Amino acid sequence: MTHKLLAWCVHLYTATGLVAAAAMAVLMIVGGDRNFRGALLLMIVATIIDSTDGILARRADVRKWTPGFDGRRLDDITDFHTYTSMPLLFIWRAGVLPGELAWWLLVPLLASAYGFSQSEAKTKDGYFLGFPSYWNAVAFYFYFLRPSPEVAIAILVLLAVMTFIPLRYLYPLYGGRFGTTTIILGSLWGLLMVLIVIGVFEYPRPAVWTSIAFPTYYLMVSWGVSFAKARGR
């Protein structure tokens, strides 16, 4: 009985990411007092939950103790809101794109729907296949750096196209050669993002530009791994 209760608690923990990313953040974005920084903070919270619930699920052996409930499906539903629908809604409501150009957000939305529906979205050797829909990070940088509509659209389309290109992207929670390094750097990056969002820096743009070092590392190493594997190394 204790094991079963613990397994259900893990599922509930996963679902709190859905609450943070969708219900609470939506209220902050579309409510009368729009709190975009609060919404960003909740998206970070949802990402932390997503980064830790898998470890808890394996330790609680949820497959054994809740066999009639598909935790992976709940995780996928939560992830789609955390990484796609919620951030794209944020980009729209934050006014990054003018109203007449907001339809471009349908491009990453449809690309992510494709990506999440792929049976091999995560490879057997522990990588994401295709750009892993990190639109929450895109929303963060769009909000603080305010690129021109043309640059924003170009980034959205480029990353959406990358969803269909079968390159491998690091999935550090599954270990791998760069797993530990990526987790450490990613944790520091997340901490810096939190400090930026809560307003620790009077002039946040230098810190925001500095934080781009981690996404750059992530992409460069991921592409390096992909090309190495393509060459049989």
Protein backbone atom coordinates (compact mmCIF):
# COMPACT_ATOMS: atom_id res chain seq x y z
CA MET A 1 0.00 0.00 0.00
CA THR A 2 2.84 2.41 0.86
CA HIS A 3 4.58 1.73 -2.46
CA LYS A 4 1.39 2.36 -4.39
CA LEU A 5 0.72 5.63 -2.55
CA LEU A 6 4.27 6.77 -3.23
CA ALA A 7 3.87 5.98 -6.93
CA TRP A 8 0.68 8.04 -7.11
CA CYS A 9 2.44 10.90 -5.33
CA VAL A 10 5.05 10.89 -8.08
CA HIS A 11 2.30 11.14 -10.72
CA LEU A 12 0.79 14.01 -8.77
CA TYR A 13 4.19 15.68 -8.69
CA THR A 14 4.38 15.42 -12.48
CA ALA A 15 0.91 16.95 -12.76
CA THR A 16 1.96 19.96 -10.68
CA GLY A 17 4.16 20.91 -13.63
CA LEU A 18 1.01 21.10 -15.73
CA VAL A 19 -0.57 23.37 -13.13
CA ALA A 20 2.49 25.63 -13.01
CA ALA A 21 2.99 25.80 -16.76
CA ALA A 22 -0.63 26.10 -17.80
CA ALA A 23 -3.26 27.13 -15.28
CA MET A 24 -1.25 29.49 -13.08
CA ALA A 25 0.91 30.94 -15.86
CA VAL A 26 -2.08 31.51 -18.12
CA LEU A 27 -3.77 33.49 -15.36
CA MET A 28 -0.66 35.65 -15.07
CA ILE A 29 -0.39 36.21 -18.83
CA VAL A 30 -4.00 36.86 -19.78
CA GLY A 31 -5.30 38.25 -16.50
CA GLY A 32 -5.93 41.91 -15.83
CA ASP A 33 -2.56 42.44 -14.16
CA ARG A 34 -0.23 40.73 -16.59
CA ASN A 35 2.73 39.38 -14.70
CA PHE A 36 5.12 38.18 -17.39
CA ARG A 37 8.04 37.69 -15.02
CA GLY A 38 5.82 35.62 -12.76
CA ALA A 39 4.84 33.50 -15.75
CA LEU A 40 8.50 33.01 -16.69
CA LEU A 41 9.29 31.97 -13.13
CA LEU A 42 6.49 29.40 -13.20
CA MET A 43 7.78 28.05 -16.49
CA ILE A 44 11.17 27.57 -14.83
CA VAL A 45 9.46 25.79 -11.93
CA ALA A 46 7.65 23.53 -14.41
CA THR A 47 10.97 22.74 -16.10
CA ILE A 48 12.55 21.82 -12.75
CA ILE A 49 9.64 19.48 -12.05
CA ASP A 50 10.05 17.87 -15.47
CA SER A 51 13.78 17.46 -14.87
CA THR A 52 13.27 15.60 -11.61
CA ASP A 53 10.04 13.61 -11.93
CA GLY A 54 11.63 10.90 -14.08
CA ILE A 55 14.20 10.11 -11.40
CA LEU A 56 11.45 9.89 -8.79
CA ALA A 57 9.32 7.73 -11.07
CA ARG A 58 12.10 5.20 -11.55
CA ARG A 59 12.88 5.08 -7.83
CA ALA A 60 9.20 4.62 -6.96
CA ASP A 61 8.85 2.00 -9.73
CA VAL A 62 5.59 3.57 -10.90
CA ARG A 63 5.13 1.06 -13.72
CA LYS A 64 4.92 -1.76 -11.22
CA TRP A 65 2.71 -0.05 -8.64
CA THR A 66 0.35 1.87 -10.96
CA PRO A 67 0.13 -0.47 -13.98
CA GLY A 68 -3.18 0.95 -15.19
CA PHE A 69 -1.87 4.51 -15.39
CA ASP A 70 0.51 5.70 -18.11
CA GLY A 71 2.89 8.14 -16.45
CA ARG A 72 4.75 8.73 -19.72
CA ARG A 73 1.56 9.95 -21.35
CA LEU A 74 0.93 12.36 -18.47
CA ASP A 75 4.54 13.52 -18.77
CA ASP A 76 4.14 14.11 -22.53
CA ILE A 77 0.95 16.12 -22.00
CA THR A 78 2.65 18.21 -19.32
CA ASP A 79 5.78 18.67 -21.44
CA PHE A 80 3.81 19.90 -24.44
CA HIS A 81 2.32 22.65 -22.30
CA THR A 82 5.59 23.39 -20.50
CA TYR A 83 7.78 23.60 -23.59
CA THR A 84 5.41 24.55 -26.41
CA SER A 85 1.86 25.84 -25.96
CA MET A 86 2.57 27.90 -22.86
CA PRO A 87 5.75 29.61 -24.14
CA LEU A 88 4.18 30.35 -27.52
CA LEU A 89 1.17 31.88 -25.78
CA PHE A 90 3.63 33.91 -23.73
CA ILE A 91 5.44 35.18 -26.84
CA TRP A 92 2.12 36.27 -28.33
CA ARG A 93 0.79 38.01 -25.23
CA ALA A 94 4.12 39.66 -24.47
CA GLY A 95 3.91 41.46 -27.81
CA VAL A 96 7.14 40.13 -29.29
CA LEU A 97 5.35 39.81 -32.63
CA PRO A 98 2.79 42.39 -33.82
CA GLY A 99 -0.76 41.10 -34.06
CA GLU A 100 -0.71 40.68 -37.83
CA LEU A 101 2.43 38.50 -37.58
CA ALA A 102 1.36 36.37 -34.62
CA TRP A 103 0.19 33.60 -36.98
CA TRP A 104 3.88 32.67 -37.42
CA LEU A 105 3.63 31.07 -33.98
CA LEU A 106 1.62 28.29 -35.63
CA VAL A 107 4.83 27.12 -37.31
CA PRO A 108 6.62 26.07 -34.09
CA LEU A 109 3.31 24.82 -32.67
CA LEU A 110 2.81 22.38 -35.55
CA ALA A 111 6.49 21.43 -35.62
CA SER A 112 6.37 20.56 -31.92
CA ALA A 113 3.18 18.54 -32.40
CA TYR A 114 5.13 16.51 -34.96
CA GLY A 115 8.14 16.21 -32.67
CA PHE A 116 6.15 15.05 -29.66
CA SER A 117 4.31 12.49 -31.81
CA GLN A 118 7.46 10.82 -33.09
CA SER A 119 7.86 7.27 -31.78
CA GLU A 120 11.63 7.86 -31.61
CA ALA A 121 11.60 11.40 -30.25
CA LYS A 122 14.11 10.01 -27.75
CA THR A 123 16.72 7.68 -29.18
CA LYS A 124 17.74 4.36 -27.66
CA ASP A 125 21.23 5.71 -27.01
CA GLY A 126 19.88 8.55 -24.86
CA TYR A 127 19.38 11.62 -27.05
CA PHE A 128 16.53 13.75 -28.32
CA LEU A 129 16.06 13.37 -32.08
CA GLY A 130 15.43 16.75 -33.69
CA PHE A 131 15.19 20.08 -31.90
CA PRO A 132 13.53 19.24 -28.56
CA SER A 133 10.98 22.09 -28.48
CA TYR A 134 12.71 24.32 -25.95
CA TRP A 135 10.34 27.19 -26.71
CA ASN A 136 10.34 28.21 -23.04
CA ALA A 137 13.99 29.24 -23.41
CA VAL A 138 13.12 31.07 -26.63
CA ALA A 139 10.32 32.92 -24.81
CA PHE A 140 12.75 33.96 -22.08
CA TYR A 141 15.25 35.46 -24.53
CA PHE A 142 12.57 37.07 -26.68
CA TYR A 143 11.10 38.78 -23.63
CA PHE A 144 14.36 40.26 -22.34
CA LEU A 145 16.18 40.94 -25.62
CA ARG A 146 13.19 42.02 -27.72
CA PRO A 147 14.46 41.10 -31.19
CA SER A 148 12.87 42.72 -34.21
CA PRO A 149 9.85 40.84 -35.63
CA GLU A 150 11.95 39.75 -38.62
CA VAL A 151 14.67 38.26 -36.41
CA ALA A 152 12.11 36.63 -34.10
CA ILE A 153 10.31 35.01 -37.05
CA ALA A 154 13.60 33.79 -38.53
CA ILE A 155 14.56 32.15 -35.21
CA LEU A 156 11.12 30.57 -34.81
CA VAL A 157 11.15 29.13 -38.33
CA LEU A 158 14.75 27.93 -38.12
CA LEU A 159 14.19 26.07 -34.86
CA ALA A 160 10.89 24.66 -36.16
CA VAL A 161 12.67 23.30 -39.23
CA MET A 162 15.34 21.79 -36.98
CA THR A 163 12.59 19.69 -35.39
CA PHE A 164 12.41 17.71 -38.64
CA ILE A 165 16.18 17.30 -39.07
CA PRO A 166 17.23 14.05 -37.31
CA LEU A 167 20.19 15.42 -35.40
CA ARG A 168 20.81 14.24 -31.85
CA TYR A 169 20.46 16.65 -28.93
CA LEU A 170 21.80 16.03 -25.44
CA TYR A 171 19.43 14.43 -22.95
CA PRO A 172 21.61 14.77 -19.82
CA LEU A 173 19.23 12.99 -17.45
CA TYR A 174 19.98 9.80 -19.37
CA GLY A 175 23.69 10.16 -18.73
CA GLY A 176 26.00 9.92 -21.68
CA ARG A 177 29.45 11.34 -22.28
CA PHE A 178 28.47 14.95 -21.53
CA GLY A 179 25.67 14.22 -19.07
CA THR A 180 27.29 15.36 -15.81
CA THR A 181 28.86 18.46 -17.35
CA THR A 182 25.58 19.46 -18.98
CA ILE A 183 23.61 18.99 -15.75
CA ILE A 184 26.06 21.17 -13.82
CA LEU A 185 26.15 23.91 -16.47
CA GLY A 186 22.39 23.69 -16.95
CA SER A 187 21.81 24.09 -13.22
CA LEU A 188 23.99 27.21 -13.13
CA TRP A 189 22.18 28.52 -16.20
CA GLY A 190 18.81 27.92 -14.55
CA LEU A 191 19.95 29.72 -11.40
CA LEU A 192 21.08 32.71 -13.46
CA MET A 193 17.73 32.76 -15.25
CA VAL A 194 15.90 32.81 -11.91
CA LEU A 195 18.05 35.71 -10.69
CA ILE A 196 17.29 37.62 -13.89
CA VAL A 197 13.55 36.97 -13.69
CA ILE A 198 13.17 37.99 -10.04
CA GLY A 199 14.96 41.26 -10.75
CA VAL A 200 18.28 40.85 -8.94
CA PHE A 201 20.06 42.75 -11.74
CA GLU A 202 19.17 46.41 -12.17
CA TYR A 203 20.24 46.15 -15.81
CA PRO A 204 19.50 42.54 -16.80
CA ARG A 205 20.61 42.57 -20.45
CA PRO A 206 24.33 41.85 -19.76
CA ALA A 207 23.33 38.87 -17.62
CA VAL A 208 20.89 37.71 -20.29
CA TRP A 209 23.58 37.85 -22.97
CA THR A 210 25.98 36.01 -20.66
CA SER A 211 23.41 33.26 -20.11
CA ILE A 212 23.37 32.51 -23.85
CA ALA A 213 26.70 30.73 -23.30
CA PHE A 214 24.84 27.61 -22.11
CA PRO A 215 22.41 27.27 -25.05
CA THR A 216 25.42 27.81 -27.34
CA TYR A 217 27.32 25.03 -25.56
CA TYR A 218 24.25 22.77 -25.73
CA LEU A 219 23.78 23.23 -29.47
CA MET A 220 27.46 22.99 -30.38
CA VAL A 221 28.03 19.81 -28.36
CA SER A 222 24.80 18.25 -29.62
CA TRP A 223 25.70 18.90 -33.25
CA GLY A 224 29.23 17.66 -32.60
CA VAL A 225 27.84 14.39 -31.22
CA SER A 226 25.52 14.06 -34.23
CA PHE A 227 28.29 14.55 -36.76
CA ALA A 228 30.62 12.20 -34.87
CA LYS A 229 27.98 9.46 -34.87
CA ALA A 230 27.26 10.07 -38.56
CA ARG A 231 30.95 9.45 -39.26
CA GLY A 232 30.88 6.28 -37.17
CA ARG A 233 32.96 7.52 -34.24
